[in-house]
Amino acid sequence: MLIGAEGFYATNNPFQTSGPKGRIESKMIGNNRIFMRIDLPGVEQGNVTVTIDDSKRGVLIKAEEQSRNKNVSSLRSYETHVTLGYHCCEISTIDNPQVTDGVLRLFISTTPLNINGVPCCADEDMPGVPKDDFTTDVVDNGRVKVTGHAPAVSHDSSGRSYSAEAGMLCDPGVRISYLDDELERYAENGVMRLTIRDPCLIP
C-alpha cells in the first residue's frame, strides 16, 4: 500500500478517496429524528444487534463478521457505543436498522426532556480552533450550525475545518442579530459550549 505525500484521504479507511470521512456519520433529518450510518465491513443483516443503553442517551451496536469463503482465516467482531452527547433529550426508538454491503443505516427518534422550557447545553469538540474562529448561525428552519477552522501549526500537514448541527430553535424565524437572546456561547480549548434557551431538538 502506498501513501501519498499528503497522507490518507480518510484515516479511518486507507482505501477511501472521496465522500464523507469517518466510520460514523449522523445528521438531523427533522424534528426529534436522526439518521446514522456506521461502517461495519464484512457484516450482513442477520449478524448485528442495535439496542438503546440504560441511560437512553446512547446506542450500543454489536456485530460479527461471517464469511462463506473458506480461505478467510479470521473474522472480525465489532462493538460500538454511540452517544448523543447531550443531556436534554433521550432516545425513544431505533427505527429500521438495515445492513447493506457492510454498512449499517438506521434512524433514531428522540424525546426532548426540556418539558418546562429548561435550557439545554451542548458541547461541540473542534480541537485546534482558536476561540475567536468559531461561528454560529441559524440555518434551515431554525437549525443551529457551528463551524470552525483550525489552522496548521508547526509541522501539521494541514489545517482542519469543522461543521456541526448543535440543535434546533423553537422559533425558526430567529435572525442572527437576535441570536444572543436564544444562545449562550463560550469557546475554550477547542470546544464550543452552547446553551440553547428554547430548544426544540438537541440531537
C-alpha atoms as a PDB file:
ATOM      1  CA  MET A   1       0.000   0.000   0.000  1.00  0.00           C
ATOM      2  CA  LEU A   2       1.381   3.385  -0.975  1.00  0.00           C
ATOM      3  CA  ILE A   3       0.643   6.569   0.924  1.00  0.00           C
ATOM      4  CA  GLY A   4       0.825   9.863  -0.934  1.00  0.00           C
ATOM      5  CA  ALA A   5       2.793  12.810   0.362  1.00  0.00           C
ATOM      6  CA  GLU A   6      -0.430  14.323   1.686  1.00  0.00           C
ATOM      7  CA  GLY A   7      -1.343  11.129   3.613  1.00  0.00           C
ATOM      8  CA  PHE A   8      -4.627   9.243   3.563  1.00  0.00           C
ATOM      9  CA  TYR A   9      -7.817  10.952   2.391  1.00  0.00           C
ATOM     10  CA  ALA A  10      -9.709   9.381   5.316  1.00  0.00           C
ATOM     11  CA  THR A  11      -7.664   7.942   8.164  1.00  0.00           C
ATOM     12  CA  ASN A  12     -10.446   5.530   9.158  1.00  0.00           C
ATOM     13  CA  ASN A  13     -10.163   3.782   5.765  1.00  0.00           C
ATOM     14  CA  PRO A  14      -6.931   3.935   3.739  1.00  0.00           C
ATOM     15  CA  PHE A  15      -8.771   2.882   0.570  1.00  0.00           C
ATOM     16  CA  GLN A  16     -11.319   5.720   0.566  1.00  0.00           C
ATOM     17  CA  THR A  17     -10.619   8.520  -1.905  1.00  0.00           C
ATOM     18  CA  SER A  18     -13.755  10.705  -1.717  1.00  0.00           C
ATOM     19  CA  GLY A  19     -17.020  11.280   0.134  1.00  0.00           C
ATOM     20  CA  PRO A  20     -17.868  11.764   3.830  1.00  0.00           C
ATOM     21  CA  LYS A  21     -14.979  10.858   6.122  1.00  0.00           C
ATOM     22  CA  GLY A  22     -15.334   8.875   9.306  1.00  0.00           C
ATOM     23  CA  ARG A  23     -16.638   5.461  10.240  1.00  0.00           C
ATOM     24  CA  ILE A  24     -19.815   7.008  11.654  1.00  0.00           C
ATOM     25  CA  GLU A  25     -21.982   9.683  10.068  1.00  0.00           C
ATOM     26  CA  SER A  26     -25.028  11.222  11.744  1.00  0.00           C
ATOM     27  CA  LYS A  27     -27.297  14.146  10.974  1.00  0.00           C
ATOM     28  CA  MET A  28     -30.667  15.562  11.912  1.00  0.00           C
ATOM     29  CA  ILE A  29     -33.335  14.978   9.280  1.00  0.00           C
ATOM     30  CA  GLY A  30     -36.303  16.523  11.079  1.00  0.00           C
ATOM     31  CA  ASN A  31     -37.680  17.332  14.488  1.00  0.00           C
ATOM     32  CA  ASN A  32     -36.591  14.683  17.000  1.00  0.00           C
ATOM     33  CA  ARG A  33     -35.181  12.386  14.299  1.00  0.00           C
ATOM     34  CA  ILE A  34     -31.576  11.496  13.494  1.00  0.00           C
ATOM     35  CA  PHE A  35     -30.120   9.473  10.625  1.00  0.00           C
ATOM     36  CA  MET A  36     -26.998   7.433  11.369  1.00  0.00           C
ATOM     37  CA  ARG A  37     -24.599   5.498   9.151  1.00  0.00           C
ATOM     38  CA  ILE A  38     -21.998   3.121  10.637  1.00  0.00           C
ATOM     39  CA  ASP A  39     -19.394   1.251   8.581  1.00  0.00           C
ATOM     40  CA  LEU A  40     -19.171  -2.447   9.532  1.00  0.00           C
ATOM     41  CA  PRO A  41     -17.150  -4.111   6.750  1.00  0.00           C
ATOM     42  CA  GLY A  42     -17.854  -7.838   6.435  1.00  0.00           C
ATOM     43  CA  VAL A  43     -21.162  -7.734   8.349  1.00  0.00           C
ATOM     44  CA  GLU A  44     -24.523  -8.703   6.862  1.00  0.00           C
ATOM     45  CA  GLN A  45     -28.099  -8.074   8.011  1.00  0.00           C
ATOM     46  CA  GLY A  46     -28.550 -11.017  10.362  1.00  0.00           C
ATOM     47  CA  ASN A  47     -25.346 -10.508  12.348  1.00  0.00           C
ATOM     48  CA  VAL A  48     -25.866  -7.139  14.011  1.00  0.00           C
ATOM     49  CA  THR A  49     -27.803  -6.083  17.104  1.00  0.00           C
ATOM     50  CA  VAL A  50     -28.712  -2.487  17.956  1.00  0.00           C
ATOM     51  CA  THR A  51     -30.013  -1.585  21.426  1.00  0.00           C
ATOM     52  CA  ILE A  52     -30.672   1.556  23.447  1.00  0.00           C
ATOM     53  CA  ASP A  53     -28.429   1.783  26.503  1.00  0.00           C
ATOM     54  CA  ASP A  54     -29.764   2.180  30.055  1.00  0.00           C
ATOM     55  CA  SER A  55     -29.277   5.949  30.019  1.00  0.00           C
ATOM     56  CA  LYS A  56     -31.450   6.254  26.900  1.00  0.00           C
ATOM     57  CA  ARG A  57     -28.843   8.643  25.506  1.00  0.00           C
ATOM     58  CA  GLY A  58     -26.742   6.119  23.652  1.00  0.00           C
ATOM     59  CA  VAL A  59     -26.932   3.250  21.186  1.00  0.00           C
ATOM     60  CA  LEU A  60     -24.960   0.012  21.570  1.00  0.00           C
ATOM     61  CA  ILE A  61     -24.069  -1.785  18.346  1.00  0.00           C
ATOM     62  CA  LYS A  62     -22.639  -5.322  18.266  1.00  0.00           C
ATOM     63  CA  ALA A  63     -21.823  -7.187  15.077  1.00  0.00           C
ATOM     64  CA  GLU A  64     -19.981 -10.286  13.893  1.00  0.00           C
ATOM     65  CA  GLU A  65     -18.439 -10.866  10.510  1.00  0.00           C
ATOM     66  CA  GLN A  66     -19.335 -14.070   8.687  1.00  0.00           C
ATOM     67  CA  SER A  67     -17.758 -15.321   5.502  1.00  0.00           C
ATOM     68  CA  ARG A  68     -18.566 -18.207   3.195  1.00  0.00           C
ATOM     69  CA  ASN A  69     -15.017 -18.104   1.848  1.00  0.00           C
ATOM     70  CA  LYS A  70     -13.071 -20.999   3.364  1.00  0.00           C
ATOM     71  CA  ASN A  71      -9.804 -19.130   2.863  1.00  0.00           C
ATOM     72  CA  VAL A  72     -10.710 -16.433   5.414  1.00  0.00           C
ATOM     73  CA  SER A  73      -8.569 -17.276   8.446  1.00  0.00           C
ATOM     74  CA  SER A  74     -10.051 -14.835  10.974  1.00  0.00           C
ATOM     75  CA  LEU A  75     -13.322 -12.973  11.309  1.00  0.00           C
ATOM     76  CA  ARG A  76     -13.911  -9.521  12.715  1.00  0.00           C
ATOM     77  CA  SER A  77     -16.224  -8.500  15.530  1.00  0.00           C
ATOM     78  CA  TYR A  78     -17.455  -5.021  16.368  1.00  0.00           C
ATOM     79  CA  GLU A  79     -18.776  -3.331  19.475  1.00  0.00           C
ATOM     80  CA  THR A  80     -19.534   0.379  19.264  1.00  0.00           C
ATOM     81  CA  HIS A  81     -21.258   2.699  21.695  1.00  0.00           C
ATOM     82  CA  VAL A  82     -22.567   5.912  20.120  1.00  0.00           C
ATOM     83  CA  THR A  83     -23.899   8.619  22.438  1.00  0.00           C
ATOM     84  CA  LEU A  84     -25.957  11.686  21.660  1.00  0.00           C
ATOM     85  CA  GLY A  85     -23.528  13.881  23.580  1.00  0.00           C
ATOM     86  CA  TYR A  86     -26.371  15.984  25.003  1.00  0.00           C
ATOM     87  CA  HIS A  87     -28.361  15.861  28.216  1.00  0.00           C
ATOM     88  CA  CYS A  88     -31.750  17.262  27.280  1.00  0.00           C
ATOM     89  CA  CYS A  89     -33.279  14.509  25.191  1.00  0.00           C
ATOM     90  CA  GLU A  90     -33.449  10.745  25.283  1.00  0.00           C
ATOM     91  CA  ILE A  91     -33.754   8.060  22.649  1.00  0.00           C
ATOM     92  CA  SER A  92     -37.268   6.726  22.307  1.00  0.00           C
ATOM     93  CA  THR A  93     -36.916   4.280  19.392  1.00  0.00           C
ATOM     94  CA  ILE A  94     -34.436   2.906  16.881  1.00  0.00           C
ATOM     95  CA  ASP A  95     -36.155   2.594  13.544  1.00  0.00           C
ATOM     96  CA  ASN A  96     -35.457   0.417  10.518  1.00  0.00           C
ATOM     97  CA  PRO A  97     -31.844  -0.696  11.056  1.00  0.00           C
ATOM     98  CA  GLN A  98     -30.628  -2.106   7.748  1.00  0.00           C
ATOM     99  CA  VAL A  99     -27.239  -3.530   6.760  1.00  0.00           C
ATOM    100  CA  THR A 100     -26.262  -3.330   3.106  1.00  0.00           C
ATOM    101  CA  ASP A 101     -22.803  -4.175   1.774  1.00  0.00           C
ATOM    102  CA  GLY A 102     -21.172  -3.806   5.182  1.00  0.00           C
ATOM    103  CA  VAL A 103     -22.884  -0.513   6.102  1.00  0.00           C
ATOM    104  CA  LEU A 104     -25.497  -0.154   8.857  1.00  0.00           C
ATOM    105  CA  ARG A 105     -28.068   2.606   8.420  1.00  0.00           C
ATOM    106  CA  LEU A 106     -30.732   3.446  10.980  1.00  0.00           C
ATOM    107  CA  PHE A 107     -32.985   6.200  12.273  1.00  0.00           C
ATOM    108  CA  ILE A 108     -33.109   7.372  15.879  1.00  0.00           C
ATOM    109  CA  SER A 109     -36.196   9.041  17.305  1.00  0.00           C
ATOM    110  CA  THR A 110     -35.667  11.233  20.369  1.00  0.00           C
ATOM    111  CA  THR A 111     -37.870  12.809  23.020  1.00  0.00           C
ATOM    112  CA  PRO A 112     -36.939  16.275  24.375  1.00  0.00           C
ATOM    113  CA  LEU A 113     -36.636  16.445  28.157  1.00  0.00           C
ATOM    114  CA  ASN A 114     -36.986  20.227  28.420  1.00  0.00           C
ATOM    115  CA  ILE A 115     -40.719  19.944  29.071  1.00  0.00           C
ATOM    116  CA  ASN A 116     -40.822  23.113  31.170  1.00  0.00           C
ATOM    117  CA  GLY A 117     -38.638  25.161  28.851  1.00  0.00           C
ATOM    118  CA  VAL A 118     -35.432  24.329  30.715  1.00  0.00           C
ATOM    119  CA  PRO A 119     -32.346  25.387  28.703  1.00  0.00           C
ATOM    120  CA  CYS A 120     -30.190  22.661  27.196  1.00  0.00           C
ATOM    121  CA  CYS A 121     -26.424  22.508  26.833  1.00  0.00           C
ATOM    122  CA  ALA A 122     -24.274  21.123  24.041  1.00  0.00           C
ATOM    123  CA  ASP A 123     -20.521  20.810  23.592  1.00  0.00           C
ATOM    124  CA  GLU A 124     -19.040  20.761  20.084  1.00  0.00           C
ATOM    125  CA  ASP A 125     -15.476  19.375  20.041  1.00  0.00           C
ATOM    126  CA  MET A 126     -13.354  21.166  17.432  1.00  0.00           C
ATOM    127  CA  PRO A 127      -9.739  20.785  18.568  1.00  0.00           C
ATOM    128  CA  GLY A 128      -7.278  23.311  17.219  1.00  0.00           C
ATOM    129  CA  VAL A 129      -9.854  26.055  16.585  1.00  0.00           C
ATOM    130  CA  PRO A 130      -8.931  29.381  18.251  1.00  0.00           C
ATOM    131  CA  LYS A 131     -11.740  30.753  20.414  1.00  0.00           C
ATOM    132  CA  ASP A 132     -12.293  33.682  18.034  1.00  0.00           C
ATOM    133  CA  ASP A 133     -12.596  31.450  14.946  1.00  0.00           C
ATOM    134  CA  PHE A 134     -15.880  29.729  15.828  1.00  0.00           C
ATOM    135  CA  THR A 135     -19.047  30.862  14.048  1.00  0.00           C
ATOM    136  CA  THR A 136     -22.668  30.156  14.983  1.00  0.00           C
ATOM    137  CA  ASP A 137     -25.529  30.583  12.510  1.00  0.00           C
ATOM    138  CA  VAL A 138     -29.210  29.711  12.220  1.00  0.00           C
ATOM    139  CA  VAL A 139     -29.993  27.800   9.023  1.00  0.00           C
ATOM    140  CA  ASP A 140     -32.746  25.601   7.580  1.00  0.00           C
ATOM    141  CA  ASN A 141     -35.801  26.403   9.695  1.00  0.00           C
ATOM    142  CA  GLY A 142     -34.095  27.074  12.977  1.00  0.00           C
ATOM    143  CA  ARG A 143     -31.146  24.668  12.934  1.00  0.00           C
ATOM    144  CA  VAL A 144     -28.162  25.964  14.904  1.00  0.00           C
ATOM    145  CA  LYS A 145     -24.959  25.387  12.950  1.00  0.00           C
ATOM    146  CA  VAL A 146     -21.474  25.727  14.426  1.00  0.00           C
ATOM    147  CA  THR A 147     -18.378  25.938  12.231  1.00  0.00           C
ATOM    148  CA  GLY A 148     -14.719  26.403  12.966  1.00  0.00           C
ATOM    149  CA  HIS A 149     -11.328  26.277  11.302  1.00  0.00           C
ATOM    150  CA  ALA A 150      -8.149  25.039  12.941  1.00  0.00           C
ATOM    151  CA  PRO A 151      -5.075  26.479  11.232  1.00  0.00           C
ATOM    152  CA  ALA A 152      -1.976  24.405  10.601  1.00  0.00           C
ATOM    153  CA  VAL A 153       0.552  24.949  13.402  1.00  0.00           C
ATOM    154  CA  SER A 154       4.209  23.978  13.495  1.00  0.00           C
ATOM    155  CA  HIS A 155       4.606  20.805  11.410  1.00  0.00           C
ATOM    156  CA  ASP A 156       0.881  19.993  10.991  1.00  0.00           C
ATOM    157  CA  SER A 157       0.344  18.682   7.455  1.00  0.00           C
ATOM    158  CA  SER A 158      -2.709  20.947   7.001  1.00  0.00           C
ATOM    159  CA  GLY A 159      -5.436  22.837   8.810  1.00  0.00           C
ATOM    160  CA  ARG A 160      -8.787  21.327   9.703  1.00  0.00           C
ATOM    161  CA  SER A 161     -12.361  22.521   9.171  1.00  0.00           C
ATOM    162  CA  TYR A 162     -15.358  21.535  11.273  1.00  0.00           C
ATOM    163  CA  SER A 163     -19.126  21.801  10.927  1.00  0.00           C
ATOM    164  CA  ALA A 164     -21.814  20.598  13.344  1.00  0.00           C
ATOM    165  CA  GLU A 165     -25.547  20.969  13.923  1.00  0.00           C
ATOM    166  CA  ALA A 166     -25.976  21.724  17.616  1.00  0.00           C
ATOM    167  CA  GLY A 167     -29.759  21.754  17.806  1.00  0.00           C
ATOM    168  CA  MET A 168     -32.929  23.432  16.627  1.00  0.00           C
ATOM    169  CA  LEU A 169     -34.625  26.580  17.918  1.00  0.00           C
ATOM    170  CA  CYS A 170     -38.357  26.509  18.533  1.00  0.00           C
ATOM    171  CA  ASP A 171     -38.622  29.839  16.709  1.00  0.00           C
ATOM    172  CA  PRO A 172     -37.243  29.197  13.192  1.00  0.00           C
ATOM    173  CA  GLY A 173     -37.525  32.904  12.374  1.00  0.00           C
ATOM    174  CA  VAL A 174     -34.788  33.981  14.775  1.00  0.00           C
ATOM    175  CA  ARG A 175     -32.428  36.328  12.973  1.00  0.00           C
ATOM    176  CA  ILE A 176     -28.686  36.412  13.526  1.00  0.00           C
ATOM    177  CA  SER A 177     -28.992  39.815  15.188  1.00  0.00           C
ATOM    178  CA  TYR A 178     -31.182  38.250  17.898  1.00  0.00           C
ATOM    179  CA  LEU A 179     -29.200  35.032  18.258  1.00  0.00           C
ATOM    180  CA  ASP A 180     -27.643  36.149  21.532  1.00  0.00           C
ATOM    181  CA  ASP A 181     -31.150  36.185  23.022  1.00  0.00           C
ATOM    182  CA  GLU A 182     -31.509  32.467  22.276  1.00  0.00           C
ATOM    183  CA  LEU A 183     -27.961  31.188  22.817  1.00  0.00           C
ATOM    184  CA  GLU A 184     -25.130  31.451  25.281  1.00  0.00           C
ATOM    185  CA  ARG A 185     -21.809  30.696  23.594  1.00  0.00           C
ATOM    186  CA  TYR A 186     -18.451  30.066  25.227  1.00  0.00           C
ATOM    187  CA  ALA A 187     -15.383  28.737  23.433  1.00  0.00           C
ATOM    188  CA  GLU A 188     -12.406  27.287  25.272  1.00  0.00           C
ATOM    189  CA  ASN A 189      -9.613  24.854  24.483  1.00  0.00           C
ATOM    190  CA  GLY A 190     -11.082  23.684  21.175  1.00  0.00           C
ATOM    191  CA  VAL A 191     -14.644  23.249  22.476  1.00  0.00           C
ATOM    192  CA  MET A 192     -17.674  25.436  21.671  1.00  0.00           C
ATOM    193  CA  ARG A 193     -20.082  25.235  24.601  1.00  0.00           C
ATOM    194  CA  LEU A 194     -23.650  26.239  23.808  1.00  0.00           C
ATOM    195  CA  THR A 195     -26.670  26.809  25.998  1.00  0.00           C
ATOM    196  CA  ILE A 196     -29.891  26.900  23.954  1.00  0.00           C
ATOM    197  CA  ARG A 197     -32.561  28.681  25.970  1.00  0.00           C
ATOM    198  CA  ASP A 198     -35.586  27.496  23.990  1.00  0.00           C
ATOM    199  CA  PRO A 199     -34.667  24.333  22.085  1.00  0.00           C
ATOM    200  CA  CYS A 200     -37.000  22.122  20.091  1.00  0.00           C
ATOM    201  CA  LEU A 201     -34.391  19.472  19.361  1.00  0.00           C
ATOM    202  CA  ILE A 202     -30.923  18.629  20.590  1.00  0.00           C
ATOM    203  CA  PRO A 203     -29.582  15.701  18.536  1.00  0.00           C
END
